[in-house]
Amino acid sequence: MKIFSGDKTLSPAKARNCLLLNLFATPGLGSLVGGRILAGLGQLILFLVGFVFICYWFVKTIKVYYSLMGDDIPASVSYSHYFLAGAMFAAASWLWSALTSFSLMRSAKTPEPASPGTVPPKLDS
């Protein structure tokens, strides 16, 4: 499968696969496969920024909890704003990819059946 092919027409099956990639795998990946390069890169970057924020929150939170193993005083440091920012970036990316996927589904065209008088193409063996 060529990701950056020049074919601008999408079949309904390919549009469905783009929707599934965007919504259940990685936001932006289905848009790239569907030919929406700029939107796909934007969605992917936005999602990765959110992922980095959530990873940063996780590392900082675990570091605080592991430093408390020998102490009786709980730490009052909270890094929840990093998690919230990461979740907002990821949600925005997912929503954008959903809108792009539904746009791809609307623009998908079913292939026209061959008329009864035409001869099928010859296959080279």
PDB file of N, CA and C in Angstrom:
ATOM      1  N   MET A   1       0.831  -1.162   0.000  1.00  0.00           N
ATOM      2  CA  MET A   1       0.000   0.000   0.000  1.00  0.00           C
ATOM      3  C   MET A   1       0.888   1.241   0.000  1.00  0.00           C
ATOM      4  N   LYS A   2       0.629   2.114  -0.931  1.00  0.00           N
ATOM      5  CA  LYS A   2       1.387   3.352  -0.996  1.00  0.00           C
ATOM      6  C   LYS A   2       0.683   4.411  -0.162  1.00  0.00           C
ATOM      7  N   ILE A   3       1.387   4.950   0.808  1.00  0.00           N
ATOM      8  CA  ILE A   3       0.778   5.943   1.694  1.00  0.00           C
ATOM      9  C   ILE A   3       0.620   7.269   0.978  1.00  0.00           C
ATOM     10  N   PHE A   4       1.630   7.715   0.280  1.00  0.00           N
ATOM     11  CA  PHE A   4       1.611   9.030  -0.341  1.00  0.00           C
ATOM     12  C   PHE A   4       1.364   8.922  -1.843  1.00  0.00           C
ATOM     13  N   SER A   5       0.465   8.046  -2.253  1.00  0.00           N
ATOM     14  CA  SER A   5       0.201   7.874  -3.671  1.00  0.00           C
ATOM     15  C   SER A   5      -0.612   9.043  -4.203  1.00  0.00           C
ATOM     16  N   GLY A   6      -0.608   9.199  -5.500  1.00  0.00           N
ATOM     17  CA  GLY A   6      -1.325  10.291  -6.122  1.00  0.00           C
ATOM     18  C   GLY A   6      -2.799  10.007  -6.328  1.00  0.00           C
ATOM     19  N   ASP A   7      -3.269   8.814  -5.974  1.00  0.00           N
ATOM     20  CA  ASP A   7      -4.664   8.450  -6.156  1.00  0.00           C
ATOM     21  C   ASP A   7      -5.523   9.242  -5.183  1.00  0.00           C
ATOM     22  N   LYS A   8      -6.380  10.114  -5.708  1.00  0.00           N
ATOM     23  CA  LYS A   8      -7.191  10.977  -4.862  1.00  0.00           C
ATOM     24  C   LYS A   8      -8.553  10.378  -4.556  1.00  0.00           C
ATOM     25  N   THR A   9      -8.991   9.353  -5.292  1.00  0.00           N
ATOM     26  CA  THR A   9     -10.287   8.747  -5.025  1.00  0.00           C
ATOM     27  C   THR A   9     -10.124   7.658  -3.975  1.00  0.00           C
ATOM     28  N   LEU A  10     -11.030   7.663  -3.034  1.00  0.00           N
ATOM     29  CA  LEU A  10     -11.012   6.663  -1.973  1.00  0.00           C
ATOM     30  C   LEU A  10     -12.181   5.720  -2.151  1.00  0.00           C
ATOM     31  N   SER A  11     -11.921   4.460  -1.967  1.00  0.00           N
ATOM     32  CA  SER A  11     -13.014   3.493  -1.947  1.00  0.00           C
ATOM     33  C   SER A  11     -13.623   3.513  -0.544  1.00  0.00           C
ATOM     34  N   PRO A  12     -14.852   3.072  -0.402  1.00  0.00           N
ATOM     35  CA  PRO A  12     -15.453   3.035   0.942  1.00  0.00           C
ATOM     36  C   PRO A  12     -14.670   2.148   1.911  1.00  0.00           C
ATOM     37  N   ALA A  13     -14.078   1.072   1.422  1.00  0.00           N
ATOM     38  CA  ALA A  13     -13.300   0.187   2.301  1.00  0.00           C
ATOM     39  C   ALA A  13     -12.044   0.893   2.811  1.00  0.00           C
ATOM     40  N   LYS A  14     -11.372   1.630   1.930  1.00  0.00           N
ATOM     41  CA  LYS A  14     -10.171   2.340   2.353  1.00  0.00           C
ATOM     42  C   LYS A  14     -10.528   3.476   3.313  1.00  0.00           C
ATOM     43  N   ALA A  15     -11.642   4.146   3.064  1.00  0.00           N
ATOM     44  CA  ALA A  15     -12.086   5.211   3.967  1.00  0.00           C
ATOM     45  C   ALA A  15     -12.442   4.639   5.341  1.00  0.00           C
ATOM     46  N   ARG A  16     -13.062   3.450   5.351  1.00  0.00           N
ATOM     47  CA  ARG A  16     -13.376   2.801   6.622  1.00  0.00           C
ATOM     48  C   ARG A  16     -12.102   2.429   7.377  1.00  0.00           C
ATOM     49  N   ASN A  17     -11.107   1.929   6.650  1.00  0.00           N
ATOM     50  CA  ASN A  17      -9.836   1.580   7.288  1.00  0.00           C
ATOM     51  C   ASN A  17      -9.138   2.820   7.840  1.00  0.00           C
ATOM     52  N   CYS A  18      -9.234   3.937   7.131  1.00  0.00           N
ATOM     53  CA  CYS A  18      -8.660   5.190   7.630  1.00  0.00           C
ATOM     54  C   CYS A  18      -9.358   5.620   8.914  1.00  0.00           C
ATOM     55  N   LEU A  19     -10.692   5.477   8.950  1.00  0.00           N
ATOM     56  CA  LEU A  19     -11.452   5.810  10.155  1.00  0.00           C
ATOM     57  C   LEU A  19     -11.011   4.941  11.321  1.00  0.00           C
ATOM     58  N   LEU A  20     -10.862   3.639  11.086  1.00  0.00           N
ATOM     59  CA  LEU A  20     -10.451   2.731  12.159  1.00  0.00           C
ATOM     60  C   LEU A  20      -9.037   3.045  12.644  1.00  0.00           C
ATOM     61  N   LEU A  21      -8.137   3.382  11.732  1.00  0.00           N
ATOM     62  CA  LEU A  21      -6.773   3.761  12.132  1.00  0.00           C
ATOM     63  C   LEU A  21      -6.781   5.020  12.979  1.00  0.00           C
ATOM     64  N   ASN A  22      -7.553   6.018  12.544  1.00  0.00           N
ATOM     65  CA  ASN A  22      -7.589   7.280  13.270  1.00  0.00           C
ATOM     66  C   ASN A  22      -8.205   7.145  14.655  1.00  0.00           C
ATOM     67  N   LEU A  23      -9.293   6.393  14.767  1.00  0.00           N
ATOM     68  CA  LEU A  23     -10.021   6.357  16.024  1.00  0.00           C
ATOM     69  C   LEU A  23      -9.521   5.300  17.002  1.00  0.00           C
ATOM     70  N   PHE A  24      -8.934   4.217  16.492  1.00  0.00           N
ATOM     71  CA  PHE A  24      -8.562   3.136  17.396  1.00  0.00           C
ATOM     72  C   PHE A  24      -7.071   2.822  17.431  1.00  0.00           C
ATOM     73  N   ALA A  25      -6.279   3.415  16.567  1.00  0.00           N
ATOM     74  CA  ALA A  25      -4.837   3.157  16.596  1.00  0.00           C
ATOM     75  C   ALA A  25      -4.107   4.429  17.012  1.00  0.00           C
ATOM     76  N   THR A  26      -3.818   5.280  16.076  1.00  0.00           N
ATOM     77  CA  THR A  26      -3.101   6.526  16.344  1.00  0.00           C
ATOM     78  C   THR A  26      -3.754   7.654  15.568  1.00  0.00           C
ATOM     79  N   PRO A  27      -4.214   8.696  16.250  1.00  0.00           N
ATOM     80  CA  PRO A  27      -4.797   9.835  15.525  1.00  0.00           C
ATOM     81  C   PRO A  27      -3.784  10.423  14.548  1.00  0.00           C
ATOM     82  N   GLY A  28      -4.207  10.597  13.306  1.00  0.00           N
ATOM     83  CA  GLY A  28      -3.352  11.151  12.276  1.00  0.00           C
ATOM     84  C   GLY A  28      -2.850  10.112  11.300  1.00  0.00           C
ATOM     85  N   LEU A  29      -2.725   8.885  11.735  1.00  0.00           N
ATOM     86  CA  LEU A  29      -2.210   7.838  10.859  1.00  0.00           C
ATOM     87  C   LEU A  29      -3.206   7.513   9.746  1.00  0.00           C
ATOM     88  N   GLY A  30      -4.474   7.435  10.084  1.00  0.00           N
ATOM     89  CA  GLY A  30      -5.487   7.181   9.067  1.00  0.00           C
ATOM     90  C   GLY A  30      -5.633   8.337   8.103  1.00  0.00           C
ATOM     91  N   SER A  31      -5.446   9.554   8.596  1.00  0.00           N
ATOM     92  CA  SER A  31      -5.509  10.726   7.719  1.00  0.00           C
ATOM     93  C   SER A  31      -4.356  10.711   6.727  1.00  0.00           C
ATOM     94  N   LEU A  32      -3.191  10.289   7.163  1.00  0.00           N
ATOM     95  CA  LEU A  32      -2.049  10.176   6.258  1.00  0.00           C
ATOM     96  C   LEU A  32      -2.310   9.120   5.192  1.00  0.00           C
ATOM     97  N   VAL A  33      -2.858   7.988   5.589  1.00  0.00           N
ATOM     98  CA  VAL A  33      -3.160   6.930   4.631  1.00  0.00           C
ATOM     99  C   VAL A  33      -4.235   7.385   3.655  1.00  0.00           C
ATOM    100  N   GLY A  34      -5.181   8.203   4.137  1.00  0.00           N
ATOM    101  CA  GLY A  34      -6.249   8.694   3.288  1.00  0.00           C
ATOM    102  C   GLY A  34      -5.852   9.826   2.373  1.00  0.00           C
ATOM    103  N   GLY A  35      -4.631  10.305   2.476  1.00  0.00           N
ATOM    104  CA  GLY A  35      -4.148  11.344   1.577  1.00  0.00           C
ATOM    105  C   GLY A  35      -4.238  12.749   2.122  1.00  0.00           C
ATOM    106  N   ARG A  36      -4.683  12.916   3.343  1.00  0.00           N
ATOM    107  CA  ARG A  36      -4.751  14.240   3.969  1.00  0.00           C
ATOM    108  C   ARG A  36      -3.453  14.453   4.758  1.00  0.00           C
ATOM    109  N   ILE A  37      -2.413  14.840   4.033  1.00  0.00           N
ATOM    110  CA  ILE A  37      -1.061  14.880   4.602  1.00  0.00           C
ATOM    111  C   ILE A  37      -0.937  15.947   5.689  1.00  0.00           C
ATOM    112  N   LEU A  38      -1.361  17.160   5.392  1.00  0.00           N
ATOM    113  CA  LEU A  38      -1.204  18.262   6.350  1.00  0.00           C
ATOM    114  C   LEU A  38      -2.024  18.015   7.618  1.00  0.00           C
ATOM    115  N   ALA A  39      -3.267  17.590   7.437  1.00  0.00           N
ATOM    116  CA  ALA A  39      -4.116  17.300   8.595  1.00  0.00           C
ATOM    117  C   ALA A  39      -3.549  16.125   9.389  1.00  0.00           C
ATOM    118  N   GLY A  40      -3.080  15.100   8.709  1.00  0.00           N
ATOM    119  CA  GLY A  40      -2.531  13.928   9.387  1.00  0.00           C
ATOM    120  C   GLY A  40      -1.294  14.251  10.198  1.00  0.00           C
ATOM    121  N   LEU A  41      -0.400  15.057   9.621  1.00  0.00           N
ATOM    122  CA  LEU A  41       0.808  15.442  10.367  1.00  0.00           C
ATOM    123  C   LEU A  41       0.450  16.297  11.578  1.00  0.00           C
ATOM    124  N   GLY A  42      -0.498  17.207  11.409  1.00  0.00           N
ATOM    125  CA  GLY A  42      -0.938  18.038  12.539  1.00  0.00           C
ATOM    126  C   GLY A  42      -1.538  17.209  13.649  1.00  0.00           C
ATOM    127  N   GLN A  43      -2.382  16.247  13.298  1.00  0.00           N
ATOM    128  CA  GLN A  43      -3.005  15.376  14.299  1.00  0.00           C
ATOM    129  C   GLN A  43      -1.964  14.522  15.002  1.00  0.00           C
ATOM    130  N   LEU A  44      -1.035  14.001  14.247  1.00  0.00           N
ATOM    131  CA  LEU A  44      -0.001  13.150  14.824  1.00  0.00           C
ATOM    132  C   LEU A  44       0.896  13.933  15.771  1.00  0.00           C
ATOM    133  N   ILE A  45       1.287  15.139  15.376  1.00  0.00           N
ATOM    134  CA  ILE A  45       2.137  15.974  16.239  1.00  0.00           C
ATOM    135  C   ILE A  45       1.392  16.366  17.501  1.00  0.00           C
ATOM    136  N   LEU A  46       0.116  16.750  17.359  1.00  0.00           N
ATOM    137  CA  LEU A  46      -0.686  17.129  18.515  1.00  0.00           C
ATOM    138  C   LEU A  46      -0.825  15.961  19.480  1.00  0.00           C
ATOM    139  N   PHE A  47      -1.037  14.769  18.953  1.00  0.00           N
ATOM    140  CA  PHE A  47      -1.160  13.594  19.808  1.00  0.00           C
ATOM    141  C   PHE A  47       0.161  13.273  20.508  1.00  0.00           C
ATOM    142  N   LEU A  48       1.270  13.395  19.786  1.00  0.00           N
ATOM    143  CA  LEU A  48       2.572  13.098  20.392  1.00  0.00           C
ATOM    144  C   LEU A  48       2.929  14.111  21.484  1.00  0.00           C
ATOM    145  N   VAL A  49       2.540  15.369  21.300  1.00  0.00           N
ATOM    146  CA  VAL A  49       2.770  16.374  22.350  1.00  0.00           C
ATOM    147  C   VAL A  49       1.989  15.984  23.603  1.00  0.00           C
ATOM    148  N   GLY A  50       0.739  15.570  23.432  1.00  0.00           N
ATOM    149  CA  GLY A  50      -0.050  15.112  24.575  1.00  0.00           C
ATOM    150  C   GLY A  50       0.556  13.893  25.242  1.00  0.00           C
ATOM    151  N   PHE A  51       1.075  12.982  24.443  1.00  0.00           N
ATOM    152  CA  PHE A  51       1.702  11.779  24.983  1.00  0.00           C
ATOM    153  C   PHE A  51       2.939  12.132  25.807  1.00  0.00           C
ATOM    154  N   VAL A  52       3.724  13.091  25.333  1.00  0.00           N
ATOM    155  CA  VAL A  52       4.919  13.515  26.068  1.00  0.00           C
ATOM    156  C   VAL A  52       4.522  14.147  27.405  1.00  0.00           C
ATOM    157  N   PHE A  53       3.476  14.975  27.412  1.00  0.00           N
ATOM    158  CA  PHE A  53       3.010  15.579  28.663  1.00  0.00           C
ATOM    159  C   PHE A  53       2.555  14.509  29.652  1.00  0.00           C
ATOM    160  N   ILE A  54       1.845  13.497  29.187  1.00  0.00           N
ATOM    161  CA  ILE A  54       1.371  12.442  30.083  1.00  0.00           C
ATOM    162  C   ILE A  54       2.540  11.612  30.596  1.00  0.00           C
ATOM    163  N   CYS A  55       3.524  11.332  29.755  1.00  0.00           N
ATOM    164  CA  CYS A  55       4.712  10.604  30.216  1.00  0.00           C
ATOM    165  C   CYS A  55       5.486  11.402  31.246  1.00  0.00           C
ATOM    166  N   TYR A  56       5.592  12.721  31.036  1.00  0.00           N
ATOM    167  CA  TYR A  56       6.287  13.578  31.997  1.00  0.00           C
ATOM    168  C   TYR A  56       5.560  13.562  33.335  1.00  0.00           C
ATOM    169  N   TRP A  57       4.221  13.666  33.290  1.00  0.00           N
ATOM    170  CA  TRP A  57       3.431  13.597  34.523  1.00  0.00           C
ATOM    171  C   TRP A  57       3.669  12.273  35.238  1.00  0.00           C
ATOM    172  N   PHE A  58       3.671  11.174  34.494  1.00  0.00           N
ATOM    173  CA  PHE A  58       3.838   9.858  35.088  1.00  0.00           C
ATOM    174  C   PHE A  58       5.195   9.726  35.773  1.00  0.00           C
ATOM    175  N   VAL A  59       6.254  10.150  35.090  1.00  0.00           N
ATOM    176  CA  VAL A  59       7.604  10.028  35.659  1.00  0.00           C
ATOM    177  C   VAL A  59       7.734  10.889  36.915  1.00  0.00           C
ATOM    178  N   LYS A  60       7.239  12.118  36.868  1.00  0.00           N
ATOM    179  CA  LYS A  60       7.330  13.000  38.039  1.00  0.00           C
ATOM    180  C   LYS A  60       6.521  12.458  39.212  1.00  0.00           C
ATOM    181  N   THR A  61       5.328  11.934  38.948  1.00  0.00           N
ATOM    182  CA  THR A  61       4.489  11.406  40.016  1.00  0.00           C
ATOM    183  C   THR A  61       5.110  10.163  40.641  1.00  0.00           C
ATOM    184  N   ILE A  62       5.625   9.274  39.838  1.00  0.00           N
ATOM    185  CA  ILE A  62       6.267   8.069  40.365  1.00  0.00           C
ATOM    186  C   ILE A  62       7.521   8.429  41.150  1.00  0.00           C
ATOM    187  N   LYS A  63       8.255   9.422  40.675  1.00  0.00           N
ATOM    188  CA  LYS A  63       9.461   9.863  41.381  1.00  0.00           C
ATOM    189  C   LYS A  63       9.103  10.378  42.777  1.00  0.00           C
ATOM    190  N   VAL A  64       8.001  11.119  42.905  1.00  0.00           N
ATOM    191  CA  VAL A  64       7.556  11.615  44.211  1.00  0.00           C
ATOM    192  C   VAL A  64       7.165  10.454  45.106  1.00  0.00           C
ATOM    193  N   TYR A  65       6.420   9.509  44.592  1.00  0.00           N
ATOM    194  CA  TYR A  65       5.979   8.388  45.415  1.00  0.00           C
ATOM    195  C   TYR A  65       7.144   7.506  45.851  1.00  0.00           C
ATOM    196  N   TYR A  66       8.126   7.302  44.989  1.00  0.00           N
ATOM    197  CA  TYR A  66       9.282   6.500  45.390  1.00  0.00           C
ATOM    198  C   TYR A  66      10.175   7.231  46.378  1.00  0.00           C
ATOM    199  N   SER A  67      10.174   8.540  46.344  1.00  0.00           N
ATOM    200  CA  SER A  67      10.969   9.282  47.324  1.00  0.00           C
ATOM    201  C   SER A  67      10.305   9.277  48.701  1.00  0.00           C
ATOM    202  N   LEU A  68       9.029   8.936  48.765  1.00  0.00           N
ATOM    203  CA  LEU A  68       8.311   8.891  50.037  1.00  0.00           C
ATOM    204  C   LEU A  68       8.398   7.547  50.739  1.00  0.00           C
ATOM    205  N   MET A  69       9.103   6.603  50.186  1.00  0.00           N
ATOM    206  CA  MET A  69       9.120   5.257  50.760  1.00  0.00           C
ATOM    207  C   MET A  69       9.666   5.242  52.187  1.00  0.00           C
ATOM    208  N   GLY A  70      10.637   6.051  52.475  1.00  0.00           N
ATOM    209  CA  GLY A  70      11.203   6.067  53.819  1.00  0.00           C
ATOM    210  C   GLY A  70      10.695   7.202  54.682  1.00  0.00           C
ATOM    211  N   ASP A  71       9.916   8.111  54.124  1.00  0.00           N
ATOM    212  CA  ASP A  71       9.436   9.269  54.862  1.00  0.00           C
ATOM    213  C   ASP A  71       8.005   9.046  55.341  1.00  0.00           C
ATOM    214  N   ASP A  72       7.681   9.719  56.458  1.00  0.00           N
ATOM    215  CA  ASP A  72       6.311   9.663  56.966  1.00  0.00           C
ATOM    216  C   ASP A  72       5.498  10.880  56.550  1.00  0.00           C
ATOM    217  N   ILE A  73       6.159  11.883  56.004  1.00  0.00           N
ATOM    218  CA  ILE A  73       5.484  13.118  55.620  1.00  0.00           C
ATOM    219  C   ILE A  73       5.091  13.022  54.138  1.00  0.00           C
ATOM    220  N   PRO A  74       3.797  13.130  53.844  1.00  0.00           N
ATOM    221  CA  PRO A  74       3.404  13.069  52.435  1.00  0.00           C
ATOM    222  C   PRO A  74       3.818  14.335  51.685  1.00  0.00           C
ATOM    223  N   ALA A  75       4.155  14.180  50.461  1.00  0.00           N
ATOM    224  CA  ALA A  75       4.553  15.323  49.642  1.00  0.00           C
ATOM    225  C   ALA A  75       3.308  16.063  49.167  1.00  0.00           C
ATOM    226  N   SER A  76       3.413  17.365  49.109  1.00  0.00           N
ATOM    227  CA  SER A  76       2.271  18.162  48.666  1.00  0.00           C
ATOM    228  C   SER A  76       2.438  18.617  47.217  1.00  0.00           C
ATOM    229  N   VAL A  77       3.373  18.007  46.510  1.00  0.00           N
ATOM    230  CA  VAL A  77       3.625  18.379  45.128  1.00  0.00           C
ATOM    231  C   VAL A  77       2.668  17.607  44.226  1.00  0.00           C
ATOM    232  N   SER A  78       2.008  18.330  43.354  1.00  0.00           N
ATOM    233  CA  SER A  78       1.093  17.700  42.422  1.00  0.00           C
ATOM    234  C   SER A  78       1.470  18.095  40.997  1.00  0.00           C
ATOM    235  N   TYR A  79       1.517  17.121  40.154  1.00  0.00           N
ATOM    236  CA  TYR A  79       1.837  17.360  38.758  1.00  0.00           C
ATOM    237  C   TYR A  79       0.624  17.080  37.871  1.00  0.00           C
ATOM    238  N   SER A  80      -0.567  17.188  38.439  1.00  0.00           N
ATOM    239  CA  SER A  80      -1.778  16.835  37.693  1.00  0.00           C
ATOM    240  C   SER A  80      -2.039  17.766  36.520  1.00  0.00           C
ATOM    241  N   HIS A  81      -1.501  18.976  36.548  1.00  0.00           N
ATOM    242  CA  HIS A  81      -1.712  19.892  35.427  1.00  0.00           C
ATOM    243  C   HIS A  81      -1.021  19.388  34.158  1.00  0.00           C
ATOM    244  N   TYR A  82       0.064  18.619  34.291  1.00  0.00           N
ATOM    245  CA  TYR A  82       0.703  18.031  33.117  1.00  0.00           C
ATOM    246  C   TYR A  82      -0.184  16.938  32.512  1.00  0.00           C
ATOM    247  N   PHE A  83      -0.802  16.150  33.403  1.00  0.00           N
ATOM    248  CA  PHE A  83      -1.711  15.122  32.912  1.00  0.00           C
ATOM    249  C   PHE A  83      -2.907  15.756  32.214  1.00  0.00           C
ATOM    250  N   LEU A  84      -3.452  16.795  32.798  1.00  0.00           N
ATOM    251  CA  LEU A  84      -4.604  17.474  32.208  1.00  0.00           C
ATOM    252  C   LEU A  84      -4.249  18.077  30.845  1.00  0.00           C
ATOM    253  N   ALA A  85      -3.082  18.700  30.747  1.00  0.00           N
ATOM    254  CA  ALA A  85      -2.650  19.271  29.464  1.00  0.00           C
ATOM    255  C   ALA A  85      -2.454  18.176  28.428  1.00  0.00           C
ATOM    256  N   GLY A  86      -1.838  17.078  28.818  1.00  0.00           N
ATOM    257  CA  GLY A  86      -1.632  15.968  27.892  1.00  0.00           C
ATOM    258  C   GLY A  86      -2.938  15.357  27.433  1.00  0.00           C
ATOM    259  N   ALA A  87      -3.873  15.203  28.366  1.00  0.00           N
ATOM    260  CA  ALA A  87      -5.175  14.646  28.004  1.00  0.00           C
ATOM    261  C   ALA A  87      -5.926  15.588  27.069  1.00  0.00           C
ATOM    262  N   MET A  88      -5.790  16.886  27.269  1.00  0.00           N
ATOM    263  CA  MET A  88      -6.466  17.855  26.393  1.00  0.00           C
ATOM    264  C   MET A  88      -5.857  17.814  24.986  1.00  0.00           C
ATOM    265  N   PHE A  89      -4.539  17.750  24.890  1.00  0.00           N
ATOM    266  CA  PHE A  89      -3.887  17.649  23.572  1.00  0.00           C
ATOM    267  C   PHE A  89      -4.317  16.363  22.854  1.00  0.00           C
ATOM    268  N   ALA A  90      -4.316  15.251  23.577  1.00  0.00           N
ATOM    269  CA  ALA A  90      -4.687  13.971  22.976  1.00  0.00           C
ATOM    270  C   ALA A  90      -6.161  13.972  22.560  1.00  0.00           C
ATOM    271  N   ALA A  91      -7.031  14.538  23.390  1.00  0.00           N
ATOM    272  CA  ALA A  91      -8.453  14.592  23.053  1.00  0.00           C
ATOM    273  C   ALA A  91      -8.697  15.490  21.841  1.00  0.00           C
ATOM    274  N   ALA A  92      -7.987  16.612  21.764  1.00  0.00           N
ATOM    275  CA  ALA A  92      -8.131  17.507  20.608  1.00  0.00           C
ATOM    276  C   ALA A  92      -7.667  16.808  19.332  1.00  0.00           C
ATOM    277  N   SER A  93      -6.578  16.068  19.426  1.00  0.00           N
ATOM    278  CA  SER A  93      -6.075  15.329  18.276  1.00  0.00           C
ATOM    279  C   SER A  93      -7.059  14.247  17.850  1.00  0.00           C
ATOM    280  N   TRP A  94      -7.630  13.546  18.815  1.00  0.00           N
ATOM    281  CA  TRP A  94      -8.589  12.490  18.510  1.00  0.00           C
ATOM    282  C   TRP A  94      -9.845  13.073  17.863  1.00  0.00           C
ATOM    283  N   LEU A  95     -10.334  14.198  18.387  1.00  0.00           N
ATOM    284  CA  LEU A  95     -11.516  14.837  17.817  1.00  0.00           C
ATOM    285  C   LEU A  95     -11.250  15.321  16.392  1.00  0.00           C
ATOM    286  N   TRP A  96     -10.092  15.935  16.183  1.00  0.00           N
ATOM    287  CA  TRP A  96      -9.712  16.396  14.844  1.00  0.00           C
ATOM    288  C   TRP A  96      -9.619  15.216  13.873  1.00  0.00           C
ATOM    289  N   SER A  97      -9.032  14.114  14.329  1.00  0.00           N
ATOM    290  CA  SER A  97      -8.921  12.948  13.451  1.00  0.00           C
ATOM    291  C   SER A  97     -10.290  12.329  13.184  1.00  0.00           C
ATOM    292  N   ALA A  98     -11.212  12.402  14.139  1.00  0.00           N
ATOM    293  CA  ALA A  98     -12.569  11.893  13.904  1.00  0.00           C
ATOM    294  C   ALA A  98     -13.266  12.728  12.837  1.00  0.00           C
ATOM    295  N   LEU A  99     -13.119  14.037  12.918  1.00  0.00           N
ATOM    296  CA  LEU A  99     -13.734  14.908  11.912  1.00  0.00           C
ATOM    297  C   LEU A  99     -13.137  14.656  10.531  1.00  0.00           C
ATOM    298  N   THR A 100     -11.829  14.489  10.473  1.00  0.00           N
ATOM    299  CA  THR A 100     -11.180  14.191   9.192  1.00  0.00           C
ATOM    300  C   THR A 100     -11.624  12.827   8.656  1.00  0.00           C
ATOM    301  N   SER A 101     -11.783  11.854   9.539  1.00  0.00           N
ATOM    302  CA  SER A 101     -12.211  10.519   9.123  1.00  0.00           C
ATOM    303  C   SER A 101     -13.620  10.545   8.554  1.00  0.00           C
ATOM    304  N   PHE A 102     -14.521  11.284   9.197  1.00  0.00           N
ATOM    305  CA  PHE A 102     -15.883  11.371   8.687  1.00  0.00           C
ATOM    306  C   PHE A 102     -15.916  12.124   7.361  1.00  0.00           C
ATOM    307  N   SER A 103     -15.013  13.076   7.191  1.00  0.00           N
ATOM    308  CA  SER A 103     -14.893  13.767   5.913  1.00  0.00           C
ATOM    309  C   SER A 103     -14.410  12.802   4.830  1.00  0.00           C
ATOM    310  N   LEU A 104     -13.476  11.939   5.173  1.00  0.00           N
ATOM    311  CA  LEU A 104     -13.004  10.925   4.229  1.00  0.00           C
ATOM    312  C   LEU A 104     -14.117   9.944   3.875  1.00  0.00           C
ATOM    313  N   MET A 105     -14.926   9.583   4.860  1.00  0.00           N
ATOM    314  CA  MET A 105     -16.035   8.663   4.601  1.00  0.00           C
ATOM    315  C   MET A 105     -17.055   9.287   3.645  1.00  0.00           C
ATOM    316  N   ARG A 106     -17.324  10.585   3.815  1.00  0.00           N
ATOM    317  CA  ARG A 106     -18.270  11.267   2.933  1.00  0.00           C
ATOM    318  C   ARG A 106     -17.735  11.384   1.513  1.00  0.00           C
ATOM    319  N   SER A 107     -16.428  11.573   1.374  1.00  0.00           N
ATOM    320  CA  SER A 107     -15.859  11.772   0.045  1.00  0.00           C
ATOM    321  C   SER A 107     -15.539  10.459  -0.670  1.00  0.00           C
ATOM    322  N   ALA A 108     -15.692   9.338   0.000  1.00  0.00           N
ATOM    323  CA  ALA A 108     -15.400   8.038  -0.622  1.00  0.00           C
ATOM    324  C   ALA A 108     -16.460   7.734  -1.678  1.00  0.00           C
ATOM    325  N   LYS A 109     -15.996   7.222  -2.792  1.00  0.00           N
ATOM    326  CA  LYS A 109     -16.896   6.899  -3.899  1.00  0.00           C
ATOM    327  C   LYS A 109     -16.833   5.404  -4.183  1.00  0.00           C
ATOM    328  N   THR A 110     -18.000   4.837  -4.410  1.00  0.00           N
ATOM    329  CA  THR A 110     -18.035   3.421  -4.775  1.00  0.00           C
ATOM    330  C   THR A 110     -17.626   3.295  -6.237  1.00  0.00           C
ATOM    331  N   PRO A 111     -16.844   2.296  -6.582  1.00  0.00           N
ATOM    332  CA  PRO A 111     -16.431   2.132  -7.978  1.00  0.00           C
ATOM    333  C   PRO A 111     -17.649   1.793  -8.845  1.00  0.00           C
ATOM    334  N   GLU A 112     -17.701   2.404 -10.004  1.00  0.00           N
ATOM    335  CA  GLU A 112     -18.826   2.163 -10.904  1.00  0.00           C
ATOM    336  C   GLU A 112     -18.673   0.789 -11.550  1.00  0.00           C
ATOM    337  N   PRO A 113     -19.776   0.031 -11.627  1.00  0.00           N
ATOM    338  CA  PRO A 113     -19.682  -1.285 -12.268  1.00  0.00           C
ATOM    339  C   PRO A 113     -19.505  -1.116 -13.776  1.00  0.00           C
ATOM    340  N   ALA A 114     -18.858  -2.089 -14.375  1.00  0.00           N
ATOM    341  CA  ALA A 114     -18.620  -2.051 -15.815  1.00  0.00           C
ATOM    342  C   ALA A 114     -19.945  -2.221 -16.549  1.00  0.00           C
ATOM    343  N   SER A 115     -20.095  -1.515 -17.647  1.00  0.00           N
ATOM    344  CA  SER A 115     -21.319  -1.644 -18.429  1.00  0.00           C
ATOM    345  C   SER A 115     -21.343  -3.019 -19.091  1.00  0.00           C
ATOM    346  N   PRO A 116     -22.535  -3.543 -19.399  1.00  0.00           N
ATOM    347  CA  PRO A 116     -22.631  -4.922 -19.903  1.00  0.00           C
ATOM    348  C   PRO A 116     -21.917  -5.168 -21.229  1.00  0.00           C
ATOM    349  N   GLY A 117     -21.709  -4.160 -22.058  1.00  0.00           N
ATOM    350  CA  GLY A 117     -21.095  -4.386 -23.360  1.00  0.00           C
ATOM    351  C   GLY A 117     -19.590  -4.279 -23.375  1.00  0.00           C
ATOM    352  N   THR A 118     -18.944  -4.038 -22.274  1.00  0.00           N
ATOM    353  CA  THR A 118     -17.489  -3.846 -22.269  1.00  0.00           C
ATOM    354  C   THR A 118     -16.769  -5.175 -22.098  1.00  0.00           C
ATOM    355  N   VAL A 119     -15.572  -5.198 -22.595  1.00  0.00           N
ATOM    356  CA  VAL A 119     -14.721  -6.383 -22.499  1.00  0.00           C
ATOM    357  C   VAL A 119     -13.795  -6.208 -21.298  1.00  0.00           C
ATOM    358  N   PRO A 120     -13.660  -7.226 -20.471  1.00  0.00           N
ATOM    359  CA  PRO A 120     -12.754  -7.093 -19.317  1.00  0.00           C
ATOM    360  C   PRO A 120     -11.316  -6.932 -19.793  1.00  0.00           C
ATOM    361  N   PRO A 121     -10.490  -6.274 -18.982  1.00  0.00           N
ATOM    362  CA  PRO A 121      -9.090  -6.072 -19.389  1.00  0.00           C
ATOM    363  C   PRO A 121      -8.338  -7.394 -19.458  1.00  0.00           C
ATOM    364  N   LYS A 122      -7.394  -7.450 -20.402  1.00  0.00           N
ATOM    365  CA  LYS A 122      -6.592  -8.665 -20.579  1.00  0.00           C
ATOM    366  C   LYS A 122      -5.508  -8.701 -19.514  1.00  0.00           C
ATOM    367  N   LEU A 123      -5.355  -9.824 -18.856  1.00  0.00           N
ATOM    368  CA  LEU A 123      -4.331  -9.999 -17.844  1.00  0.00           C
ATOM    369  C   LEU A 123      -3.085 -10.558 -18.484  1.00  0.00           C
ATOM    370  N   ASP A 124      -1.949  -9.932 -18.197  1.00  0.00           N
ATOM    371  CA  ASP A 124      -0.671 -10.417 -18.723  1.00  0.00           C
ATOM    372  C   ASP A 124      -0.191 -11.564 -17.855  1.00  0.00           C
ATOM    373  N   SER A 125       0.185 -12.658 -18.464  1.00  0.00           N
ATOM    374  CA  SER A 125       0.655 -13.832 -17.714  1.00  0.00           C
ATOM    375  C   SER A 125       2.125 -13.974 -17.802  1.00  0.00           C
TER     376      SER A 125
END
